[in-house]
Amino acid sequence: MFKQFSTVHEILDEILEKVPLARSQLLAQIASGFPNGFGSEPAHEKYIDNLFKLIGPVSS
């Protein structure tokens, strides 16, 4: 079963706890840009899909 997150911040916190070097990689990603409110829908879907790939299955 997958854990439900109520906010994007909770997802990011989970990533930062589970993935070595995640904080530095996240900062690099933010610096290079990522989908924003004006981006295309496929770009947003790919971004969120990649976040879930980083987290992997999470037990509740």
PDB file of N, CA and C in Angstrom:
ATOM      1  N   MET A   1       0.844  -1.177   0.000  1.00  0.00           N
ATOM      2  CA  MET A   1       0.000   0.000   0.000  1.00  0.00           C
ATOM      3  C   MET A   1       0.891   1.242   0.000  1.00  0.00           C
ATOM      4  N   PHE A   2       0.439   2.258  -0.694  1.00  0.00           N
ATOM      5  CA  PHE A   2       1.199   3.491  -0.760  1.00  0.00           C
ATOM      6  C   PHE A   2       0.691   4.493   0.268  1.00  0.00           C
ATOM      7  N   LYS A   3       1.620   5.237   0.812  1.00  0.00           N
ATOM      8  CA  LYS A   3       1.278   6.278   1.771  1.00  0.00           C
ATOM      9  C   LYS A   3       0.661   7.462   1.038  1.00  0.00           C
ATOM     10  N   GLN A   4      -0.383   8.045   1.601  1.00  0.00           N
ATOM     11  CA  GLN A   4      -1.005   9.235   1.035  1.00  0.00           C
ATOM     12  C   GLN A   4      -0.348  10.467   1.652  1.00  0.00           C
ATOM     13  N   PHE A   5      -0.055  11.433   0.823  1.00  0.00           N
ATOM     14  CA  PHE A   5       0.515  12.689   1.281  1.00  0.00           C
ATOM     15  C   PHE A   5      -0.520  13.786   1.097  1.00  0.00           C
ATOM     16  N   SER A   6      -0.638  14.663   2.076  1.00  0.00           N
ATOM     17  CA  SER A   6      -1.631  15.731   1.952  1.00  0.00           C
ATOM     18  C   SER A   6      -1.052  16.985   1.309  1.00  0.00           C
ATOM     19  N   THR A   7       0.276  17.107   1.291  1.00  0.00           N
ATOM     20  CA  THR A   7       0.897  18.275   0.657  1.00  0.00           C
ATOM     21  C   THR A   7       2.159  17.856  -0.090  1.00  0.00           C
ATOM     22  N   VAL A   8       2.556  18.683  -1.027  1.00  0.00           N
ATOM     23  CA  VAL A   8       3.813  18.451  -1.742  1.00  0.00           C
ATOM     24  C   VAL A   8       4.979  18.526  -0.770  1.00  0.00           C
ATOM     25  N   HIS A   9       4.874  19.375   0.240  1.00  0.00           N
ATOM     26  CA  HIS A   9       5.953  19.493   1.223  1.00  0.00           C
ATOM     27  C   HIS A   9       6.194  18.173   1.942  1.00  0.00           C
ATOM     28  N   GLU A  10       5.130  17.442   2.230  1.00  0.00           N
ATOM     29  CA  GLU A  10       5.293  16.135   2.872  1.00  0.00           C
ATOM     30  C   GLU A  10       6.028  15.165   1.951  1.00  0.00           C
ATOM     31  N   ILE A  11       5.723  15.214   0.660  1.00  0.00           N
ATOM     32  CA  ILE A  11       6.421  14.361  -0.304  1.00  0.00           C
ATOM     33  C   ILE A  11       7.905  14.697  -0.302  1.00  0.00           C
ATOM     34  N   LEU A  12       8.215  15.986  -0.376  1.00  0.00           N
ATOM     35  CA  LEU A  12       9.618  16.403  -0.404  1.00  0.00           C
ATOM     36  C   LEU A  12      10.340  16.036   0.883  1.00  0.00           C
ATOM     37  N   ASP A  13       9.681  16.186   2.024  1.00  0.00           N
ATOM     38  CA  ASP A  13      10.298  15.793   3.294  1.00  0.00           C
ATOM     39  C   ASP A  13      10.638  14.309   3.294  1.00  0.00           C
ATOM     40  N   GLU A  14       9.739  13.490   2.757  1.00  0.00           N
ATOM     41  CA  GLU A  14       9.969  12.041   2.686  1.00  0.00           C
ATOM     42  C   GLU A  14      11.175  11.734   1.800  1.00  0.00           C
ATOM     43  N   ILE A  15      11.257  12.419   0.669  1.00  0.00           N
ATOM     44  CA  ILE A  15      12.399  12.229  -0.234  1.00  0.00           C
ATOM     45  C   ILE A  15      13.691  12.599   0.472  1.00  0.00           C
ATOM     46  N   LEU A  16      13.699  13.745   1.112  1.00  0.00           N
ATOM     47  CA  LEU A  16      14.917  14.226   1.758  1.00  0.00           C
ATOM     48  C   LEU A  16      15.378  13.296   2.868  1.00  0.00           C
ATOM     49  N   GLU A  17      14.438  12.628   3.532  1.00  0.00           N
ATOM     50  CA  GLU A  17      14.800  11.690   4.593  1.00  0.00           C
ATOM     51  C   GLU A  17      15.350  10.379   4.043  1.00  0.00           C
ATOM     52  N   LYS A  18      14.843   9.929   2.893  1.00  0.00           N
ATOM     53  CA  LYS A  18      15.158   8.592   2.397  1.00  0.00           C
ATOM     54  C   LYS A  18      16.303   8.518   1.398  1.00  0.00           C
ATOM     55  N   VAL A  19      16.613   9.619   0.732  1.00  0.00           N
ATOM     56  CA  VAL A  19      17.566   9.563  -0.369  1.00  0.00           C
ATOM     57  C   VAL A  19      18.850  10.309  -0.004  1.00  0.00           C
ATOM     58  N   PRO A  20      19.990   9.611   0.014  1.00  0.00           N
ATOM     59  CA  PRO A  20      21.256  10.290   0.278  1.00  0.00           C
ATOM     60  C   PRO A  20      21.496  11.372  -0.774  1.00  0.00           C
ATOM     61  N   LEU A  21      22.023  12.471  -0.364  1.00  0.00           N
ATOM     62  CA  LEU A  21      22.327  13.619  -1.229  1.00  0.00           C
ATOM     63  C   LEU A  21      21.090  14.275  -1.831  1.00  0.00           C
ATOM     64  N   ALA A  22      19.905  13.917  -1.373  1.00  0.00           N
ATOM     65  CA  ALA A  22      18.682  14.481  -1.960  1.00  0.00           C
ATOM     66  C   ALA A  22      18.622  15.991  -1.793  1.00  0.00           C
ATOM     67  N   ARG A  23      19.054  16.488  -0.644  1.00  0.00           N
ATOM     68  CA  ARG A  23      18.978  17.937  -0.425  1.00  0.00           C
ATOM     69  C   ARG A  23      19.799  18.696  -1.455  1.00  0.00           C
ATOM     70  N   SER A  24      21.018  18.247  -1.707  1.00  0.00           N
ATOM     71  CA  SER A  24      21.851  18.962  -2.678  1.00  0.00           C
ATOM     72  C   SER A  24      21.291  18.824  -4.088  1.00  0.00           C
ATOM     73  N   GLN A  25      20.753  17.651  -4.421  1.00  0.00           N
ATOM     74  CA  GLN A  25      20.166  17.460  -5.745  1.00  0.00           C
ATOM     75  C   GLN A  25      18.893  18.277  -5.914  1.00  0.00           C
ATOM     76  N   LEU A  26      18.099  18.377  -4.855  1.00  0.00           N
ATOM     77  CA  LEU A  26      16.882  19.176  -4.926  1.00  0.00           C
ATOM     78  C   LEU A  26      17.225  20.643  -5.153  1.00  0.00           C
ATOM     79  N   LEU A  27      18.225  21.134  -4.448  1.00  0.00           N
ATOM     80  CA  LEU A  27      18.643  22.522  -4.640  1.00  0.00           C
ATOM     81  C   LEU A  27      19.140  22.751  -6.056  1.00  0.00           C
ATOM     82  N   ALA A  28      19.867  21.785  -6.612  1.00  0.00           N
ATOM     83  CA  ALA A  28      20.343  21.908  -7.993  1.00  0.00           C
ATOM     84  C   ALA A  28      19.163  21.924  -8.961  1.00  0.00           C
ATOM     85  N   GLN A  29      18.153  21.098  -8.706  1.00  0.00           N
ATOM     86  CA  GLN A  29      16.966  21.062  -9.564  1.00  0.00           C
ATOM     87  C   GLN A  29      16.199  22.374  -9.496  1.00  0.00           C
ATOM     88  N   ILE A  30      16.050  22.901  -8.294  1.00  0.00           N
ATOM     89  CA  ILE A  30      15.358  24.178  -8.139  1.00  0.00           C
ATOM     90  C   ILE A  30      16.109  25.281  -8.871  1.00  0.00           C
ATOM     91  N   ALA A  31      17.435  25.260  -8.767  1.00  0.00           N
ATOM     92  CA  ALA A  31      18.245  26.275  -9.438  1.00  0.00           C
ATOM     93  C   ALA A  31      18.110  26.203 -10.958  1.00  0.00           C
ATOM     94  N   SER A  32      17.943  24.980 -11.496  1.00  0.00           N
ATOM     95  CA  SER A  32      17.848  24.834 -12.951  1.00  0.00           C
ATOM     96  C   SER A  32      16.418  25.009 -13.452  1.00  0.00           C
ATOM     97  N   GLY A  33      15.467  25.033 -12.546  1.00  0.00           N
ATOM     98  CA  GLY A  33      14.068  25.211 -12.920  1.00  0.00           C
ATOM     99  C   GLY A  33      13.326  23.898 -12.951  1.00  0.00           C
ATOM    100  N   PHE A  34      12.030  23.959 -12.787  1.00  0.00           N
ATOM    101  CA  PHE A  34      11.157  22.797 -12.847  1.00  0.00           C
ATOM    102  C   PHE A  34       9.770  23.286 -13.223  1.00  0.00           C
ATOM    103  N   PRO A  35       8.870  22.393 -13.564  1.00  0.00           N
ATOM    104  CA  PRO A  35       7.553  22.841 -14.021  1.00  0.00           C
ATOM    105  C   PRO A  35       6.903  23.814 -13.042  1.00  0.00           C
ATOM    106  N   ASN A  36       6.372  24.896 -13.586  1.00  0.00           N
ATOM    107  CA  ASN A  36       5.671  25.869 -12.755  1.00  0.00           C
ATOM    108  C   ASN A  36       4.206  25.916 -13.165  1.00  0.00           C
ATOM    109  N   GLY A  37       3.474  26.827 -12.634  1.00  0.00           N
ATOM    110  CA  GLY A  37       2.054  26.938 -12.923  1.00  0.00           C
ATOM    111  C   GLY A  37       1.739  27.199 -14.380  1.00  0.00           C
ATOM    112  N   PHE A  38       2.732  27.608 -15.147  1.00  0.00           N
ATOM    113  CA  PHE A  38       2.515  27.915 -16.556  1.00  0.00           C
ATOM    114  C   PHE A  38       3.065  26.834 -17.476  1.00  0.00           C
ATOM    115  N   GLY A  39       3.650  25.777 -16.891  1.00  0.00           N
ATOM    116  CA  GLY A  39       4.223  24.698 -17.693  1.00  0.00           C
ATOM    117  C   GLY A  39       3.148  23.808 -18.296  1.00  0.00           C
ATOM    118  N   SER A  40       3.586  22.924 -19.171  1.00  0.00           N
ATOM    119  CA  SER A  40       2.638  22.013 -19.819  1.00  0.00           C
ATOM    120  C   SER A  40       2.239  20.890 -18.867  1.00  0.00           C
ATOM    121  N   GLU A  41       1.077  20.322 -19.083  1.00  0.00           N
ATOM    122  CA  GLU A  41       0.604  19.233 -18.233  1.00  0.00           C
ATOM    123  C   GLU A  41       1.543  18.028 -18.258  1.00  0.00           C
ATOM    124  N   PRO A  42       2.060  17.591 -19.424  1.00  0.00           N
ATOM    125  CA  PRO A  42       3.001  16.463 -19.426  1.00  0.00           C
ATOM    126  C   PRO A  42       4.264  16.740 -18.601  1.00  0.00           C
ATOM    127  N   ALA A  43       4.724  17.989 -18.607  1.00  0.00           N
ATOM    128  CA  ALA A  43       5.915  18.322 -17.813  1.00  0.00           C
ATOM    129  C   ALA A  43       5.627  18.157 -16.327  1.00  0.00           C
ATOM    130  N   HIS A  44       4.440  18.570 -15.886  1.00  0.00           N
ATOM    131  CA  HIS A  44       4.056  18.411 -14.483  1.00  0.00           C
ATOM    132  C   HIS A  44       3.932  16.931 -14.124  1.00  0.00           C
ATOM    133  N   GLU A  45       3.314  16.152 -15.002  1.00  0.00           N
ATOM    134  CA  GLU A  45       3.149  14.722 -14.740  1.00  0.00           C
ATOM    135  C   GLU A  45       4.499  14.024 -14.637  1.00  0.00           C
ATOM    136  N   LYS A  46       5.422  14.364 -15.511  1.00  0.00           N
ATOM    137  CA  LYS A  46       6.752  13.757 -15.469  1.00  0.00           C
ATOM    138  C   LYS A  46       7.481  14.144 -14.187  1.00  0.00           C
ATOM    139  N   TYR A  47       7.372  15.409 -13.789  1.00  0.00           N
ATOM    140  CA  TYR A  47       8.018  15.892 -12.565  1.00  0.00           C
ATOM    141  C   TYR A  47       7.498  15.128 -11.344  1.00  0.00           C
ATOM    142  N   ILE A  48       6.175  15.009 -11.214  1.00  0.00           N
ATOM    143  CA  ILE A  48       5.588  14.298 -10.081  1.00  0.00           C
ATOM    144  C   ILE A  48       5.931  12.812 -10.145  1.00  0.00           C
ATOM    145  N   ASP A  49       5.896  12.227 -11.335  1.00  0.00           N
ATOM    146  CA  ASP A  49       6.262  10.819 -11.501  1.00  0.00           C
ATOM    147  C   ASP A  49       7.692  10.580 -11.028  1.00  0.00           C
ATOM    148  N   ASN A  50       8.597  11.479 -11.362  1.00  0.00           N
ATOM    149  CA  ASN A  50       9.988  11.343 -10.927  1.00  0.00           C
ATOM    150  C   ASN A  50      10.118  11.471  -9.418  1.00  0.00           C
ATOM    151  N   LEU A  51       9.326  12.340  -8.797  1.00  0.00           N
ATOM    152  CA  LEU A  51       9.348  12.442  -7.336  1.00  0.00           C
ATOM    153  C   LEU A  51       8.937  11.111  -6.708  1.00  0.00           C
ATOM    154  N   PHE A  52       7.879  10.499  -7.236  1.00  0.00           N
ATOM    155  CA  PHE A  52       7.433   9.217  -6.685  1.00  0.00           C
ATOM    156  C   PHE A  52       8.452   8.115  -6.931  1.00  0.00           C
ATOM    157  N   LYS A  53       9.167   8.164  -8.034  1.00  0.00           N
ATOM    158  CA  LYS A  53      10.224   7.179  -8.288  1.00  0.00           C
ATOM    159  C   LYS A  53      11.332   7.313  -7.248  1.00  0.00           C
ATOM    160  N   LEU A  54      11.637   8.552  -6.854  1.00  0.00           N
ATOM    161  CA  LEU A  54      12.656   8.763  -5.826  1.00  0.00           C
ATOM    162  C   LEU A  54      12.201   8.215  -4.481  1.00  0.00           C
ATOM    163  N   ILE A  55      10.943   8.432  -4.147  1.00  0.00           N
ATOM    164  CA  ILE A  55      10.430   7.980  -2.858  1.00  0.00           C
ATOM    165  C   ILE A  55      10.334   6.467  -2.810  1.00  0.00           C
ATOM    166  N   GLY A  56       9.810   5.869  -3.872  1.00  0.00           N
ATOM    167  CA  GLY A  56       9.578   4.431  -3.870  1.00  0.00           C
ATOM    168  C   GLY A  56       8.393   4.092  -2.987  1.00  0.00           C
ATOM    169  N   PRO A  57       8.079   2.810  -2.874  1.00  0.00           N
ATOM    170  CA  PRO A  57       6.950   2.404  -2.026  1.00  0.00           C
ATOM    171  C   PRO A  57       7.186   2.819  -0.575  1.00  0.00           C
ATOM    172  N   VAL A  58       6.168   3.362   0.035  1.00  0.00           N
ATOM    173  CA  VAL A  58       6.252   3.800   1.426  1.00  0.00           C
ATOM    174  C   VAL A  58       5.158   3.092   2.199  1.00  0.00           C
ATOM    175  N   SER A  59       5.545   2.388   3.257  1.00  0.00           N
ATOM    176  CA  SER A  59       4.525   1.719   4.067  1.00  0.00           C
ATOM    177  C   SER A  59       3.857   2.739   4.973  1.00  0.00           C
ATOM    178  N   SER A  60       2.575   2.530   5.243  1.00  0.00           N
ATOM    179  CA  SER A  60       1.848   3.483   6.086  1.00  0.00           C
ATOM    180  C   SER A  60       1.884   3.088   7.532  1.00  0.00           C
TER     181      SER A  60
END
